[in-house]
Amino acid sequence: MRKLMNERERRTYIIEKVDLDLVDYFTNCTICARRLILKETDDTIPTARRHMKVMWCVDRFFKALFFFGLLYYLYYYFFDRLSSGETVIQKPLE
């Protein structure tokens, strides 16, 4: 694409920027999206950060609870039943 542009277009439309700091770029994009798309002011940023931290903790808690329940079910189904002598396949009624 750069080969098709003349010198004036290259200066006007910067396609590739080598010295671009991506963290600052995406931080500015996020702030701009909050302002323009979501119509939120900058004074709501601390509240949004606190909300994201709470949601992260809730997500971790429920993921841990899910995997604990899954492991407990597997332990109960395979080890506890087999050690007590119960069979998984039941005999038909006569």
PDB file of N, CA and C in Angstrom:
ATOM      1  N   MET A   1       0.827  -1.192   0.000  1.00  0.00           N
ATOM      2  CA  MET A   1       0.000   0.000   0.000  1.00  0.00           C
ATOM      3  C   MET A   1       0.871   1.255   0.000  1.00  0.00           C
ATOM      4  N   ARG A   2       1.991   1.211   0.758  1.00  0.00           N
ATOM      5  CA  ARG A   2       2.876   2.374   0.817  1.00  0.00           C
ATOM      6  C   ARG A   2       3.496   2.670  -0.541  1.00  0.00           C
ATOM      7  N   LYS A   3       3.701   1.657  -1.343  1.00  0.00           N
ATOM      8  CA  LYS A   3       4.336   1.861  -2.653  1.00  0.00           C
ATOM      9  C   LYS A   3       3.419   2.616  -3.606  1.00  0.00           C
ATOM     10  N   LEU A   4       2.116   2.513  -3.414  1.00  0.00           N
ATOM     11  CA  LEU A   4       1.161   3.172  -4.293  1.00  0.00           C
ATOM     12  C   LEU A   4       0.954   4.645  -3.955  1.00  0.00           C
ATOM     13  N   MET A   5       1.383   5.076  -2.774  1.00  0.00           N
ATOM     14  CA  MET A   5       1.153   6.451  -2.327  1.00  0.00           C
ATOM     15  C   MET A   5       2.292   7.365  -2.765  1.00  0.00           C
ATOM     16  N   ASN A   6       1.948   8.636  -3.004  1.00  0.00           N
ATOM     17  CA  ASN A   6       2.993   9.618  -3.247  1.00  0.00           C
ATOM     18  C   ASN A   6       3.467  10.180  -1.900  1.00  0.00           C
ATOM     19  N   GLU A   7       4.441  11.078  -1.930  1.00  0.00           N
ATOM     20  CA  GLU A   7       5.063  11.576  -0.699  1.00  0.00           C
ATOM     21  C   GLU A   7       4.069  12.339   0.182  1.00  0.00           C
ATOM     22  N   ARG A   8       3.209  13.121  -0.422  1.00  0.00           N
ATOM     23  CA  ARG A   8       2.221  13.888   0.353  1.00  0.00           C
ATOM     24  C   ARG A   8       1.222  12.962   1.040  1.00  0.00           C
ATOM     25  N   GLU A   9       0.771  11.930   0.350  1.00  0.00           N
ATOM     26  CA  GLU A   9      -0.156  10.984   0.956  1.00  0.00           C
ATOM     27  C   GLU A   9       0.502  10.190   2.080  1.00  0.00           C
ATOM     28  N   ARG A  10       1.789   9.890   1.936  1.00  0.00           N
ATOM     29  CA  ARG A  10       2.493   9.182   3.009  1.00  0.00           C
ATOM     30  C   ARG A  10       2.566  10.013   4.270  1.00  0.00           C
ATOM     31  N   ARG A  11       2.765  11.313   4.129  1.00  0.00           N
ATOM     32  CA  ARG A  11       2.801  12.178   5.307  1.00  0.00           C
ATOM     33  C   ARG A  11       1.415  12.367   5.910  1.00  0.00           C
ATOM     34  N   THR A  12       0.397  12.415   5.068  1.00  0.00           N
ATOM     35  CA  THR A  12      -0.967  12.639   5.553  1.00  0.00           C
ATOM     36  C   THR A  12      -1.552  11.374   6.193  1.00  0.00           C
ATOM     37  N   TYR A  13      -1.433  10.261   5.507  1.00  0.00           N
ATOM     38  CA  TYR A  13      -2.022   9.004   5.970  1.00  0.00           C
ATOM     39  C   TYR A  13      -0.915   8.079   6.459  1.00  0.00           C
ATOM     40  N   ILE A  14      -0.625   8.156   7.715  1.00  0.00           N
ATOM     41  CA  ILE A  14       0.438   7.326   8.293  1.00  0.00           C
ATOM     42  C   ILE A  14      -0.149   5.947   8.560  1.00  0.00           C
ATOM     43  N   ILE A  15       0.324   4.973   7.815  1.00  0.00           N
ATOM     44  CA  ILE A  15      -0.194   3.618   7.954  1.00  0.00           C
ATOM     45  C   ILE A  15       0.595   2.838   8.989  1.00  0.00           C
ATOM     46  N   GLU A  16       1.895   2.907   8.910  1.00  0.00           N
ATOM     47  CA  GLU A  16       2.713   2.157   9.851  1.00  0.00           C
ATOM     48  C   GLU A  16       3.536   3.120  10.677  1.00  0.00           C
ATOM     49  N   LYS A  17       3.515   2.905  11.939  1.00  0.00           N
ATOM     50  CA  LYS A  17       4.238   3.767  12.857  1.00  0.00           C
ATOM     51  C   LYS A  17       5.128   2.875  13.695  1.00  0.00           C
ATOM     52  N   VAL A  18       6.422   2.976  13.538  1.00  0.00           N
ATOM     53  CA  VAL A  18       7.357   2.089  14.205  1.00  0.00           C
ATOM     54  C   VAL A  18       7.507   2.466  15.670  1.00  0.00           C
ATOM     55  N   ASP A  19       7.563   3.725  15.990  1.00  0.00           N
ATOM     56  CA  ASP A  19       7.803   4.170  17.356  1.00  0.00           C
ATOM     57  C   ASP A  19       6.506   4.370  18.147  1.00  0.00           C
ATOM     58  N   LEU A  20       5.503   3.610  17.863  1.00  0.00           N
ATOM     59  CA  LEU A  20       4.208   3.725  18.520  1.00  0.00           C
ATOM     60  C   LEU A  20       4.184   2.885  19.792  1.00  0.00           C
ATOM     61  N   ASP A  21       3.801   3.488  20.904  1.00  0.00           N
ATOM     62  CA  ASP A  21       3.661   2.765  22.157  1.00  0.00           C
ATOM     63  C   ASP A  21       2.251   2.182  22.199  1.00  0.00           C
ATOM     64  N   LEU A  22       2.142   0.870  22.107  1.00  0.00           N
ATOM     65  CA  LEU A  22       0.835   0.234  21.995  1.00  0.00           C
ATOM     66  C   LEU A  22      -0.005   0.362  23.261  1.00  0.00           C
ATOM     67  N   VAL A  23       0.615   0.372  24.422  1.00  0.00           N
ATOM     68  CA  VAL A  23      -0.149   0.509  25.673  1.00  0.00           C
ATOM     69  C   VAL A  23      -0.825   1.874  25.722  1.00  0.00           C
ATOM     70  N   ASP A  24      -0.071   2.921  25.416  1.00  0.00           N
ATOM     71  CA  ASP A  24      -0.670   4.268  25.401  1.00  0.00           C
ATOM     72  C   ASP A  24      -1.722   4.390  24.309  1.00  0.00           C
ATOM     73  N   TYR A  25      -1.464   3.794  23.163  1.00  0.00           N
ATOM     74  CA  TYR A  25      -2.406   3.861  22.051  1.00  0.00           C
ATOM     75  C   TYR A  25      -3.750   3.236  22.421  1.00  0.00           C
ATOM     76  N   PHE A  26      -3.706   2.028  22.984  1.00  0.00           N
ATOM     77  CA  PHE A  26      -4.963   1.369  23.331  1.00  0.00           C
ATOM     78  C   PHE A  26      -5.632   1.987  24.557  1.00  0.00           C
ATOM     79  N   THR A  27      -4.845   2.575  25.448  1.00  0.00           N
ATOM     80  CA  THR A  27      -5.435   3.308  26.568  1.00  0.00           C
ATOM     81  C   THR A  27      -6.209   4.512  26.048  1.00  0.00           C
ATOM     82  N   ASN A  28      -5.620   5.237  25.126  1.00  0.00           N
ATOM     83  CA  ASN A  28      -6.311   6.380  24.531  1.00  0.00           C
ATOM     84  C   ASN A  28      -7.533   5.945  23.728  1.00  0.00           C
ATOM     85  N   CYS A  29      -7.431   4.818  23.028  1.00  0.00           N
ATOM     86  CA  CYS A  29      -8.592   4.314  22.279  1.00  0.00           C
ATOM     87  C   CYS A  29      -9.734   3.950  23.219  1.00  0.00           C
ATOM     88  N   THR A  30      -9.410   3.337  24.342  1.00  0.00           N
ATOM     89  CA  THR A  30     -10.439   2.953  25.310  1.00  0.00           C
ATOM     90  C   THR A  30     -11.104   4.181  25.916  1.00  0.00           C
ATOM     91  N   ILE A  31     -10.305   5.163  26.280  1.00  0.00           N
ATOM     92  CA  ILE A  31     -10.869   6.390  26.854  1.00  0.00           C
ATOM     93  C   ILE A  31     -11.730   7.118  25.831  1.00  0.00           C
ATOM     94  N   CYS A  32     -11.279   7.153  24.601  1.00  0.00           N
ATOM     95  CA  CYS A  32     -12.063   7.801  23.546  1.00  0.00           C
ATOM     96  C   CYS A  32     -13.371   7.060  23.295  1.00  0.00           C
ATOM     97  N   ALA A  33     -13.334   5.744  23.313  1.00  0.00           N
ATOM     98  CA  ALA A  33     -14.562   4.962  23.125  1.00  0.00           C
ATOM     99  C   ALA A  33     -15.534   5.206  24.276  1.00  0.00           C
ATOM    100  N   ARG A  34     -15.010   5.328  25.496  1.00  0.00           N
ATOM    101  CA  ARG A  34     -15.884   5.623  26.639  1.00  0.00           C
ATOM    102  C   ARG A  34     -16.562   6.980  26.454  1.00  0.00           C
ATOM    103  N   ARG A  35     -15.807   7.947  25.984  1.00  0.00           N
ATOM    104  CA  ARG A  35     -16.361   9.291  25.825  1.00  0.00           C
ATOM    105  C   ARG A  35     -17.360   9.375  24.674  1.00  0.00           C
ATOM    106  N   LEU A  36     -16.974   8.846  23.518  1.00  0.00           N
ATOM    107  CA  LEU A  36     -17.777   9.052  22.310  1.00  0.00           C
ATOM    108  C   LEU A  36     -18.888   8.032  22.137  1.00  0.00           C
ATOM    109  N   ILE A  37     -18.593   6.766  22.383  1.00  0.00           N
ATOM    110  CA  ILE A  37     -19.587   5.726  22.129  1.00  0.00           C
ATOM    111  C   ILE A  37     -20.508   5.530  23.323  1.00  0.00           C
ATOM    112  N   LEU A  38     -19.909   5.411  24.513  1.00  0.00           N
ATOM    113  CA  LEU A  38     -20.724   5.142  25.702  1.00  0.00           C
ATOM    114  C   LEU A  38     -21.251   6.403  26.367  1.00  0.00           C
ATOM    115  N   LYS A  39     -20.773   7.569  25.929  1.00  0.00           N
ATOM    116  CA  LYS A  39     -21.196   8.867  26.475  1.00  0.00           C
ATOM    117  C   LYS A  39     -20.972   8.946  27.984  1.00  0.00           C
ATOM    118  N   GLU A  40     -19.812   8.430  28.430  1.00  0.00           N
ATOM    119  CA  GLU A  40     -19.466   8.484  29.845  1.00  0.00           C
ATOM    120  C   GLU A  40     -18.368   9.516  30.054  1.00  0.00           C
ATOM    121  N   THR A  41     -18.403  10.151  31.197  1.00  0.00           N
ATOM    122  CA  THR A  41     -17.387  11.148  31.514  1.00  0.00           C
ATOM    123  C   THR A  41     -16.192  10.473  32.181  1.00  0.00           C
ATOM    124  N   ASP A  42     -15.112  11.234  32.313  1.00  0.00           N
ATOM    125  CA  ASP A  42     -13.890  10.676  32.897  1.00  0.00           C
ATOM    126  C   ASP A  42     -13.996  10.451  34.402  1.00  0.00           C
ATOM    127  N   ASP A  43     -14.949  11.067  35.058  1.00  0.00           N
ATOM    128  CA  ASP A  43     -15.068  10.870  36.502  1.00  0.00           C
ATOM    129  C   ASP A  43     -15.662   9.509  36.865  1.00  0.00           C
ATOM    130  N   THR A  44     -16.127   8.735  35.887  1.00  0.00           N
ATOM    131  CA  THR A  44     -16.651   7.397  36.172  1.00  0.00           C
ATOM    132  C   THR A  44     -15.592   6.307  36.018  1.00  0.00           C
ATOM    133  N   ILE A  45     -14.363   6.675  35.652  1.00  0.00           N
ATOM    134  CA  ILE A  45     -13.304   5.678  35.452  1.00  0.00           C
ATOM    135  C   ILE A  45     -12.951   4.948  36.746  1.00  0.00           C
ATOM    136  N   PRO A  46     -12.770   5.615  37.897  1.00  0.00           N
ATOM    137  CA  PRO A  46     -12.470   4.858  39.126  1.00  0.00           C
ATOM    138  C   PRO A  46     -13.588   3.886  39.507  1.00  0.00           C
ATOM    139  N   THR A  47     -14.816   4.273  39.292  1.00  0.00           N
ATOM    140  CA  THR A  47     -15.938   3.380  39.587  1.00  0.00           C
ATOM    141  C   THR A  47     -15.931   2.182  38.649  1.00  0.00           C
ATOM    142  N   ALA A  48     -15.619   2.410  37.393  1.00  0.00           N
ATOM    143  CA  ALA A  48     -15.552   1.305  36.430  1.00  0.00           C
ATOM    144  C   ALA A  48     -14.411   0.359  36.756  1.00  0.00           C
ATOM    145  N   ARG A  49     -13.278   0.877  37.197  1.00  0.00           N
ATOM    146  CA  ARG A  49     -12.155   0.009  37.591  1.00  0.00           C
ATOM    147  C   ARG A  49     -12.513  -0.828  38.799  1.00  0.00           C
ATOM    148  N   ARG A  50     -13.168  -0.225  39.772  1.00  0.00           N
ATOM    149  CA  ARG A  50     -13.589  -0.974  40.955  1.00  0.00           C
ATOM    150  C   ARG A  50     -14.596  -2.055  40.569  1.00  0.00           C
ATOM    151  N   HIS A  51     -15.503  -1.725  39.669  1.00  0.00           N
ATOM    152  CA  HIS A  51     -16.492  -2.704  39.205  1.00  0.00           C
ATOM    153  C   HIS A  51     -15.807  -3.864  38.478  1.00  0.00           C
ATOM    154  N   MET A  52     -14.797  -3.566  37.660  1.00  0.00           N
ATOM    155  CA  MET A  52     -14.070  -4.629  36.960  1.00  0.00           C
ATOM    156  C   MET A  52     -13.316  -5.529  37.927  1.00  0.00           C
ATOM    157  N   LYS A  53     -12.754  -4.969  38.997  1.00  0.00           N
ATOM    158  CA  LYS A  53     -12.064  -5.788  39.997  1.00  0.00           C
ATOM    159  C   LYS A  53     -13.040  -6.708  40.712  1.00  0.00           C
ATOM    160  N   VAL A  54     -14.217  -6.193  41.045  1.00  0.00           N
ATOM    161  CA  VAL A  54     -15.233  -7.007  41.691  1.00  0.00           C
ATOM    162  C   VAL A  54     -15.698  -8.118  40.753  1.00  0.00           C
ATOM    163  N   MET A  55     -15.922  -7.791  39.489  1.00  0.00           N
ATOM    164  CA  MET A  55     -16.355  -8.806  38.519  1.00  0.00           C
ATOM    165  C   MET A  55     -15.279  -9.858  38.294  1.00  0.00           C
ATOM    166  N   TRP A  56     -14.013  -9.468  38.351  1.00  0.00           N
ATOM    167  CA  TRP A  56     -12.919 -10.424  38.210  1.00  0.00           C
ATOM    168  C   TRP A  56     -12.922 -11.394  39.390  1.00  0.00           C
ATOM    169  N   CYS A  57     -13.128 -10.863  40.601  1.00  0.00           N
ATOM    170  CA  CYS A  57     -13.177 -11.722  41.796  1.00  0.00           C
ATOM    171  C   CYS A  57     -14.382 -12.663  41.747  1.00  0.00           C
ATOM    172  N   VAL A  58     -15.521 -12.163  41.323  1.00  0.00           N
ATOM    173  CA  VAL A  58     -16.715 -13.006  41.200  1.00  0.00           C
ATOM    174  C   VAL A  58     -16.486 -14.102  40.162  1.00  0.00           C
ATOM    175  N   ASP A  59     -15.864 -13.755  39.048  1.00  0.00           N
ATOM    176  CA  ASP A  59     -15.562 -14.738  38.009  1.00  0.00           C
ATOM    177  C   ASP A  59     -14.642 -15.828  38.549  1.00  0.00           C
ATOM    178  N   ARG A  60     -13.582 -15.454  39.239  1.00  0.00           N
ATOM    179  CA  ARG A  60     -12.653 -16.452  39.799  1.00  0.00           C
ATOM    180  C   ARG A  60     -13.343 -17.334  40.840  1.00  0.00           C
ATOM    181  N   PHE A  61     -14.187 -16.733  41.661  1.00  0.00           N
ATOM    182  CA  PHE A  61     -14.879 -17.505  42.691  1.00  0.00           C
ATOM    183  C   PHE A  61     -15.782 -18.561  42.069  1.00  0.00           C
ATOM    184  N   PHE A  62     -16.570 -18.177  41.083  1.00  0.00           N
ATOM    185  CA  PHE A  62     -17.504 -19.140  40.490  1.00  0.00           C
ATOM    186  C   PHE A  62     -16.796 -20.176  39.624  1.00  0.00           C
ATOM    187  N   LYS A  63     -15.676 -19.813  39.009  1.00  0.00           N
ATOM    188  CA  LYS A  63     -14.901 -20.827  38.287  1.00  0.00           C
ATOM    189  C   LYS A  63     -14.322 -21.844  39.262  1.00  0.00           C
ATOM    190  N   ALA A  64     -13.798 -21.376  40.379  1.00  0.00           N
ATOM    191  CA  ALA A  64     -13.264 -22.291  41.386  1.00  0.00           C
ATOM    192  C   ALA A  64     -14.374 -23.158  41.966  1.00  0.00           C
ATOM    193  N   LEU A  65     -15.527 -22.565  42.215  1.00  0.00           N
ATOM    194  CA  LEU A  65     -16.666 -23.329  42.734  1.00  0.00           C
ATOM    195  C   LEU A  65     -17.116 -24.384  41.732  1.00  0.00           C
ATOM    196  N   PHE A  66     -17.132 -24.052  40.453  1.00  0.00           N
ATOM    197  CA  PHE A  66     -17.522 -25.009  39.426  1.00  0.00           C
ATOM    198  C   PHE A  66     -16.550 -26.187  39.379  1.00  0.00           C
ATOM    199  N   PHE A  67     -15.246 -25.897  39.359  1.00  0.00           N
ATOM    200  CA  PHE A  67     -14.273 -26.979  39.281  1.00  0.00           C
ATOM    201  C   PHE A  67     -14.228 -27.800  40.566  1.00  0.00           C
ATOM    202  N   PHE A  68     -14.438 -27.156  41.709  1.00  0.00           N
ATOM    203  CA  PHE A  68     -14.524 -27.910  42.960  1.00  0.00           C
ATOM    204  C   PHE A  68     -15.723 -28.852  42.918  1.00  0.00           C
ATOM    205  N   GLY A  69     -16.866 -28.373  42.444  1.00  0.00           N
ATOM    206  CA  GLY A  69     -18.045 -29.224  42.337  1.00  0.00           C
ATOM    207  C   GLY A  69     -17.839 -30.366  41.359  1.00  0.00           C
ATOM    208  N   LEU A  70     -17.188 -30.087  40.246  1.00  0.00           N
ATOM    209  CA  LEU A  70     -16.902 -31.125  39.263  1.00  0.00           C
ATOM    210  C   LEU A  70     -15.973 -32.190  39.833  1.00  0.00           C
ATOM    211  N   LEU A  71     -14.914 -31.766  40.499  1.00  0.00           N
ATOM    212  CA  LEU A  71     -13.992 -32.734  41.105  1.00  0.00           C
ATOM    213  C   LEU A  71     -14.651 -33.505  42.236  1.00  0.00           C
ATOM    214  N   TYR A  72     -15.484 -32.846  43.015  1.00  0.00           N
ATOM    215  CA  TYR A  72     -16.199 -33.536  44.088  1.00  0.00           C
ATOM    216  C   TYR A  72     -17.140 -34.589  43.504  1.00  0.00           C
ATOM    217  N   TYR A  73     -17.846 -34.255  42.441  1.00  0.00           N
ATOM    218  CA  TYR A  73     -18.754 -35.199  41.809  1.00  0.00           C
ATOM    219  C   TYR A  73     -17.988 -36.396  41.247  1.00  0.00           C
ATOM    220  N   LEU A  74     -16.875 -36.123  40.580  1.00  0.00           N
ATOM    221  CA  LEU A  74     -16.071 -37.220  40.035  1.00  0.00           C
ATOM    222  C   LEU A  74     -15.499 -38.091  41.141  1.00  0.00           C
ATOM    223  N   TYR A  75     -15.033 -37.491  42.225  1.00  0.00           N
ATOM    224  CA  TYR A  75     -14.520 -38.260  43.352  1.00  0.00           C
ATOM    225  C   TYR A  75     -15.625 -39.118  43.953  1.00  0.00           C
ATOM    226  N   TYR A  76     -16.776 -38.528  44.180  1.00  0.00           N
ATOM    227  CA  TYR A  76     -17.884 -39.274  44.773  1.00  0.00           C
ATOM    228  C   TYR A  76     -18.336 -40.386  43.845  1.00  0.00           C
ATOM    229  N   TYR A  77     -18.412 -40.109  42.563  1.00  0.00           N
ATOM    230  CA  TYR A  77     -18.923 -41.084  41.608  1.00  0.00           C
ATOM    231  C   TYR A  77     -17.970 -42.257  41.430  1.00  0.00           C
ATOM    232  N   PHE A  78     -16.673 -42.017  41.335  1.00  0.00           N
ATOM    233  CA  PHE A  78     -15.732 -43.087  41.047  1.00  0.00           C
ATOM    234  C   PHE A  78     -15.107 -43.706  42.284  1.00  0.00           C
ATOM    235  N   PHE A  79     -14.589 -42.906  43.183  1.00  0.00           N
ATOM    236  CA  PHE A  79     -13.809 -43.454  44.291  1.00  0.00           C
ATOM    237  C   PHE A  79     -14.670 -43.845  45.480  1.00  0.00           C
ATOM    238  N   ASP A  80     -15.601 -43.013  45.858  1.00  0.00           N
ATOM    239  CA  ASP A  80     -16.403 -43.297  47.047  1.00  0.00           C
ATOM    240  C   ASP A  80     -17.335 -44.481  46.804  1.00  0.00           C
ATOM    241  N   ARG A  81     -17.943 -44.555  45.652  1.00  0.00           N
ATOM    242  CA  ARG A  81     -18.833 -45.670  45.353  1.00  0.00           C
ATOM    243  C   ARG A  81     -18.078 -46.976  45.198  1.00  0.00           C
ATOM    244  N   LEU A  82     -16.927 -46.924  44.541  1.00  0.00           N
ATOM    245  CA  LEU A  82     -16.163 -48.142  44.320  1.00  0.00           C
ATOM    246  C   LEU A  82     -15.549 -48.666  45.606  1.00  0.00           C
ATOM    247  N   SER A  83     -15.151 -47.777  46.502  1.00  0.00           N
ATOM    248  CA  SER A  83     -14.561 -48.231  47.758  1.00  0.00           C
ATOM    249  C   SER A  83     -15.614 -48.783  48.716  1.00  0.00           C
ATOM    250  N   SER A  84     -16.860 -48.370  48.577  1.00  0.00           N
ATOM    251  CA  SER A  84     -17.907 -48.864  49.465  1.00  0.00           C
ATOM    252  C   SER A  84     -18.529 -50.162  48.951  1.00  0.00           C
ATOM    253  N   GLY A  85     -18.154 -50.598  47.774  1.00  0.00           N
ATOM    254  CA  GLY A  85     -18.663 -51.861  47.244  1.00  0.00           C
ATOM    255  C   GLY A  85     -19.882 -51.725  46.374  1.00  0.00           C
ATOM    256  N   GLU A  86     -20.384 -50.531  46.176  1.00  0.00           N
ATOM    257  CA  GLU A  86     -21.539 -50.349  45.306  1.00  0.00           C
ATOM    258  C   GLU A  86     -21.117 -50.522  43.860  1.00  0.00           C
ATOM    259  N   THR A  87     -21.999 -51.025  43.061  1.00  0.00           N
ATOM    260  CA  THR A  87     -21.711 -51.151  41.651  1.00  0.00           C
ATOM    261  C   THR A  87     -22.369 -50.017  40.881  1.00  0.00           C
ATOM    262  N   VAL A  88     -21.745 -49.629  39.834  1.00  0.00           N
ATOM    263  CA  VAL A  88     -22.299 -48.563  39.005  1.00  0.00           C
ATOM    264  C   VAL A  88     -23.424 -49.124  38.155  1.00  0.00           C
ATOM    265  N   ILE A  89     -23.268 -50.339  37.646  1.00  0.00           N
ATOM    266  CA  ILE A  89     -24.297 -50.985  36.837  1.00  0.00           C
ATOM    267  C   ILE A  89     -25.193 -51.779  37.771  1.00  0.00           C
ATOM    268  N   GLN A  90     -26.482 -51.483  37.703  1.00  0.00           N
ATOM    269  CA  GLN A  90     -27.396 -52.160  38.611  1.00  0.00           C
ATOM    270  C   GLN A  90     -27.957 -53.417  37.946  1.00  0.00           C
ATOM    271  N   LYS A  91     -28.307 -54.381  38.776  1.00  0.00           N
ATOM    272  CA  LYS A  91     -28.880 -55.630  38.284  1.00  0.00           C
ATOM    273  C   LYS A  91     -30.354 -55.420  37.937  1.00  0.00           C
ATOM    274  N   PRO A  92     -30.830 -56.091  36.907  1.00  0.00           N
ATOM    275  CA  PRO A  92     -32.255 -55.947  36.575  1.00  0.00           C
ATOM    276  C   PRO A  92     -33.117 -56.616  37.654  1.00  0.00           C
ATOM    277  N   LEU A  93     -34.309 -56.097  37.799  1.00  0.00           N
ATOM    278  CA  LEU A  93     -35.243 -56.670  38.760  1.00  0.00           C
ATOM    279  C   LEU A  93     -35.745 -58.030  38.246  1.00  0.00           C
ATOM    280  N   GLU A  94     -35.888 -58.965  39.163  1.00  0.00           N
ATOM    281  CA  GLU A  94     -36.359 -60.312  38.766  1.00  0.00           C
ATOM    282  C   GLU A  94     -37.813 -60.492  39.092  1.00  0.00           C
TER     283      GLU A  94
END
